[in-house]
Protein backbone atom coordinates (compact mmCIF):
# COMPACT_ATOMS: atom_id res chain seq x y z
CA UNK A 1 -174.07 -29.05 48.74
CA UNK A 2 -175.52 -31.99 46.86
CA UNK A 3 -174.54 -32.73 43.28
CA UNK A 4 -178.27 -32.91 42.54
CA UNK A 5 -178.38 -29.14 42.90
CA UNK A 6 -176.01 -28.77 39.95
CA UNK A 7 -177.38 -29.49 36.51
CA UNK A 8 -175.32 -32.12 34.72
CA UNK A 9 -174.47 -31.86 31.02
CA UNK A 10 -176.78 -33.88 28.81
CA UNK A 11 -175.44 -37.42 28.50
CA UNK A 12 -176.49 -40.69 26.90
CA UNK A 13 -175.04 -44.20 27.06
CA UNK A 14 -172.06 -44.87 24.80
CA UNK A 15 -173.29 -46.98 21.87
CA UNK A 16 -170.68 -49.73 22.25
CA UNK A 17 -168.57 -49.11 25.38
CA UNK A 18 -169.20 -48.63 29.12
CA UNK A 19 -169.90 -45.08 30.23
CA UNK A 20 -171.85 -42.06 29.09
CA UNK A 21 -171.36 -39.70 26.16
CA UNK A 22 -171.66 -35.98 26.92
CA UNK A 23 -173.56 -33.95 24.34
CA UNK A 24 -171.45 -31.93 21.89
CA UNK A 25 -170.78 -28.47 23.23
CA UNK A 26 -171.86 -29.30 26.78
CA UNK A 27 -169.62 -28.05 29.55
CA UNK A 28 -167.89 -30.69 31.67
CA UNK A 29 -166.87 -29.33 35.07
CA UNK A 30 -165.90 -30.23 38.61
CA UNK A 31 -168.83 -29.61 40.94
CA UNK A 32 -169.13 -29.22 44.72
CA UNK A 33 -170.26 -32.27 46.67
CA UNK A 34 -169.72 -33.19 50.31
CA UNK A 35 -170.54 -36.57 51.81
CA UNK A 36 -171.51 -36.71 55.48
CA UNK A 37 -168.58 -37.13 57.88
CA UNK A 38 -169.56 -39.34 60.81
CA UNK A 39 -166.39 -38.64 62.77
CA UNK A 40 -163.13 -36.76 62.30
CA UNK A 41 -159.84 -36.85 64.21
CA UNK A 42 -156.71 -34.79 63.69
CA UNK A 43 -153.89 -37.30 64.02
CA UNK A 44 -151.09 -34.81 63.39
CA UNK A 45 -150.94 -31.01 63.25
CA UNK A 46 -148.13 -28.70 62.21
CA UNK A 47 -147.68 -25.25 60.65
CA UNK A 48 -147.15 -26.99 57.29
CA UNK A 49 -149.73 -29.79 57.19
CA UNK A 50 -152.48 -31.43 59.24
CA UNK A 51 -153.32 -35.12 58.92
CA UNK A 52 -157.02 -35.80 59.44
CA UNK A 53 -158.72 -39.20 59.80
CA UNK A 54 -162.36 -39.20 58.68
CA UNK A 55 -165.13 -41.78 58.72
CA UNK A 56 -167.29 -40.84 55.72
CA UNK A 57 -170.80 -42.06 54.98
CA UNK A 58 -171.31 -43.20 51.40
CA UNK A 59 -174.54 -42.50 49.44
CA UNK A 60 -175.41 -46.19 49.84
CA UNK A 61 -175.33 -45.84 53.63
CA UNK A 62 -172.01 -47.57 54.17
CA UNK A 63 -168.87 -46.09 55.68
CA UNK A 64 -165.34 -45.55 54.37
CA UNK A 65 -162.26 -44.34 56.19
CA UNK A 66 -160.09 -41.70 54.55
CA UNK A 67 -156.86 -39.97 55.55
CA UNK A 68 -156.60 -36.38 54.33
CA UNK A 69 -153.53 -34.17 54.37
CA UNK A 70 -154.75 -30.60 54.89
CA UNK A 71 -152.38 -28.21 53.16
CA UNK A 72 -152.36 -24.52 52.26
CA UNK A 73 -153.30 -23.70 48.69
CA UNK A 74 -150.38 -22.87 46.42
CA UNK A 75 -149.39 -20.93 43.33
CA UNK A 76 -147.00 -21.54 40.47
CA UNK A 77 -145.65 -19.40 37.65
CA UNK A 78 -144.79 -20.18 34.03
CA UNK A 79 -142.26 -17.45 33.25
CA UNK A 80 -141.98 -16.72 29.53
CA UNK A 81 -139.43 -14.32 28.06
CA UNK A 82 -139.69 -12.38 24.78
CA UNK A 83 -137.77 -15.09 22.91
CA UNK A 84 -140.08 -17.95 23.88
CA UNK A 85 -137.94 -19.36 26.68
CA UNK A 86 -139.38 -20.51 30.00
CA UNK A 87 -137.64 -20.31 33.35
CA UNK A 88 -137.17 -23.65 35.10
CA UNK A 89 -135.79 -24.24 38.59
CA UNK A 90 -133.74 -27.30 39.47
CA UNK A 91 -134.39 -28.07 43.15
CA UNK A 92 -133.58 -30.97 45.46
CA UNK A 93 -136.69 -32.66 46.86
CA UNK A 94 -135.95 -34.91 49.81
CA UNK A 95 -139.21 -36.97 49.81
CA UNK A 96 -138.51 -38.30 46.31
CA UNK A 97 -134.72 -38.35 46.52
CA UNK A 98 -134.21 -36.33 43.35
CA UNK A 99 -133.40 -32.91 41.97
CA UNK A 100 -136.58 -32.01 40.11
CA UNK A 101 -137.18 -29.53 37.32
CA UNK A 102 -139.93 -27.20 38.53
CA UNK A 103 -141.60 -23.82 38.13
CA UNK A 104 -141.30 -20.98 40.63
CA UNK A 105 -143.98 -21.80 43.19
CA UNK A 106 -145.02 -21.40 46.79
CA UNK A 107 -147.79 -21.45 49.35
CA UNK A 108 -150.70 -19.12 49.94
CA UNK A 109 -149.67 -18.82 53.57
CA UNK A 110 -150.35 -15.10 54.14
CA UNK A 111 -153.93 -14.47 55.27
CA UNK A 112 -155.97 -12.67 52.64
CA UNK A 113 -153.22 -12.52 50.04
CA UNK A 114 -154.63 -12.79 46.48
CA UNK A 115 -153.23 -15.68 44.48
CA UNK A 116 -151.65 -13.47 41.83
CA UNK A 117 -149.91 -11.37 44.50
CA UNK A 118 -148.55 -14.56 46.04
CA UNK A 119 -147.30 -15.68 42.62
CA UNK A 120 -145.53 -12.33 42.15
CA UNK A 121 -143.98 -12.65 45.60
CA UNK A 122 -142.72 -16.16 44.90
CA UNK A 123 -141.34 -15.11 41.52
CA UNK A 124 -139.31 -12.36 43.17
CA UNK A 125 -138.16 -14.57 46.05
CA UNK A 126 -137.21 -17.64 44.03
CA UNK A 127 -136.13 -16.21 40.68
CA UNK A 128 -135.22 -12.54 41.31
CA UNK A 129 -137.76 -11.47 38.69
CA UNK A 130 -140.67 -9.04 38.38
CA UNK A 131 -143.37 -9.40 35.70
CA UNK A 132 -145.57 -6.64 34.30
CA UNK A 133 -148.10 -8.93 32.59
CA UNK A 134 -149.97 -11.69 34.41
CA UNK A 135 -152.63 -14.12 33.25
CA UNK A 136 -154.32 -17.11 34.92
CA UNK A 137 -153.17 -20.25 33.13
CA UNK A 138 -154.46 -23.42 34.78
CA UNK A 139 -155.73 -24.71 38.14
CA UNK A 140 -155.02 -28.19 39.46
CA UNK A 141 -155.60 -30.46 42.41
CA UNK A 142 -152.17 -31.96 42.96
CA UNK A 143 -153.27 -35.32 44.41
CA UNK A 144 -156.95 -35.27 45.46
CA UNK A 145 -156.91 -38.87 46.65
CA UNK A 146 -155.20 -37.77 49.86
CA UNK A 147 -154.73 -33.99 50.00
CA UNK A 148 -156.94 -30.92 49.61
CA UNK A 149 -154.11 -28.86 48.09
CA UNK A 150 -155.22 -26.60 45.22
CA UNK A 151 -152.69 -24.92 42.95
CA UNK A 152 -153.28 -21.91 40.69
CA UNK A 153 -150.72 -21.46 37.93
CA UNK A 154 -150.15 -18.10 36.26
CA UNK A 155 -148.37 -17.01 33.10
CA UNK A 156 -145.92 -14.16 33.70
CA UNK A 157 -144.41 -11.99 30.97
CA UNK A 158 -142.88 -8.53 30.64
CA UNK A 159 -139.92 -9.45 32.80
CA UNK A 160 -137.30 -7.43 34.63
CA UNK A 161 -134.77 -8.25 37.32
CA UNK A 162 -135.17 -7.50 41.01
CA UNK A 163 -132.58 -4.97 42.19
CA UNK A 164 -129.51 -6.61 43.73
CA UNK A 165 -130.09 -5.02 47.14
CA UNK A 166 -133.73 -6.21 47.23
CA UNK A 167 -133.13 -9.90 46.52
CA UNK A 168 -134.13 -12.62 48.97
CA UNK A 169 -131.55 -14.63 50.91
CA UNK A 170 -132.41 -18.26 50.18
CA UNK A 171 -131.98 -21.08 52.70
CA UNK A 172 -132.18 -24.89 52.82
CA UNK A 173 -133.07 -26.44 49.43
CA UNK A 174 -133.61 -23.05 47.84
CA UNK A 175 -130.02 -22.01 48.61
CA UNK A 176 -128.87 -24.81 46.28
CA UNK A 177 -131.45 -24.13 43.56
CA UNK A 178 -130.39 -23.49 39.96
CA UNK A 179 -132.35 -21.41 37.44
CA UNK A 180 -132.21 -22.22 33.72
CA UNK A 181 -133.93 -20.80 30.64
CA UNK A 182 -135.20 -23.34 28.11
CA UNK A 183 -137.19 -22.94 24.87
CA UNK A 184 -140.83 -23.71 25.60
CA UNK A 185 -140.90 -26.45 22.96
CA UNK A 186 -137.91 -28.18 24.60
CA UNK A 187 -139.57 -28.00 28.01
CA UNK A 188 -142.75 -29.55 26.59
CA UNK A 189 -140.69 -32.33 24.99
CA UNK A 190 -139.11 -33.00 28.39
CA UNK A 191 -142.59 -33.34 29.89
CA UNK A 192 -143.79 -35.73 27.22
CA UNK A 193 -140.81 -38.05 27.45
CA UNK A 194 -140.82 -38.15 31.26
CA UNK A 195 -137.80 -35.98 32.06
CA UNK A 196 -139.98 -33.41 33.88
CA UNK A 197 -142.38 -35.04 36.35
CA UNK A 198 -143.36 -32.34 38.86
CA UNK A 199 -147.15 -32.13 38.47
CA UNK A 200 -147.32 -28.34 38.69
CA UNK A 201 -144.61 -27.98 36.03
CA UNK A 202 -146.24 -30.58 33.78
CA UNK A 203 -149.64 -28.86 33.92
CA UNK A 204 -148.27 -25.34 33.58
CA UNK A 205 -145.94 -26.04 30.68
CA UNK A 206 -148.55 -27.98 28.70
CA UNK A 207 -151.16 -25.28 29.31
CA UNK A 208 -148.71 -22.60 28.19
CA UNK A 209 -147.88 -24.61 25.06
CA UNK A 210 -151.56 -24.97 24.17
CA UNK A 211 -152.20 -21.28 24.81
CA UNK A 212 -149.29 -20.33 22.55
CA UNK A 213 -150.48 -22.62 19.76
CA UNK A 214 -153.97 -21.15 19.97
CA UNK A 215 -152.54 -17.78 19.06
CA UNK A 216 -153.46 -16.20 22.37
CA UNK A 217 -152.35 -12.66 23.06
CA UNK A 218 -150.50 -14.12 26.06
C-alpha cells in the first residue's frame, strides 16, 4: 500500500532549521508502505529466525540490497505490585556477553494466540505469577533496520502466585534467572543512567512511569 493513500498530518517548513513542522494537534503515526522487491532469497532458515536477502527498488528507480531477519512477534510485561514495585528479571544473554535486567517476555509462537494471552503465559512461565488486571502499555519495533520483530508490552496488576505444583521447569538461561522487585522510580533511574539497556525493558518501564504520572487508573 502506498503512503500516498494515507493522509499526512498538515506540515510546513521549519522557519529556521531543516525539516517540517507538524501542525499542533495533528496525529503523527507510522503508516504502511511497501517498496517493490525485485528479488528475494532465504539465506538461512530455522525454527527461530529466517535470514532473507532482498533487492529492493527505491522510489527513484534505483536498487538497494537489504538483509532482513524474520522473527516471530513478541510480548513483554511490566509487572506492578500494590506498593509500586516492578518485577525485573536478571538473565544471561550470550550474544552480548552480559546478564541483562529485563521484563518477563517471550515469543508469539503459538498459532492464533492473542498477544495478551501470550503475555499471561510468559508471566506464569518466567515469574510464577498470575495477574487479574491487564492493559496494553506500548508497542515497539526492536530494531527495524534489520528485523521485522514487533513487541507488544502490557501492564499487569492484581497479582497472585502460581501454585507450586503448576510452576514451569526452567532450562538453559532461564534456569539461572533471578527475579527482583524494585520501586518503579528506581527502575526508571536505572534506565536513564544506562544501567538497564534491554530495549523492551527501557520502553516498558518509561511508558509505565509516564502512565503513572498521568494519574491513569492503571
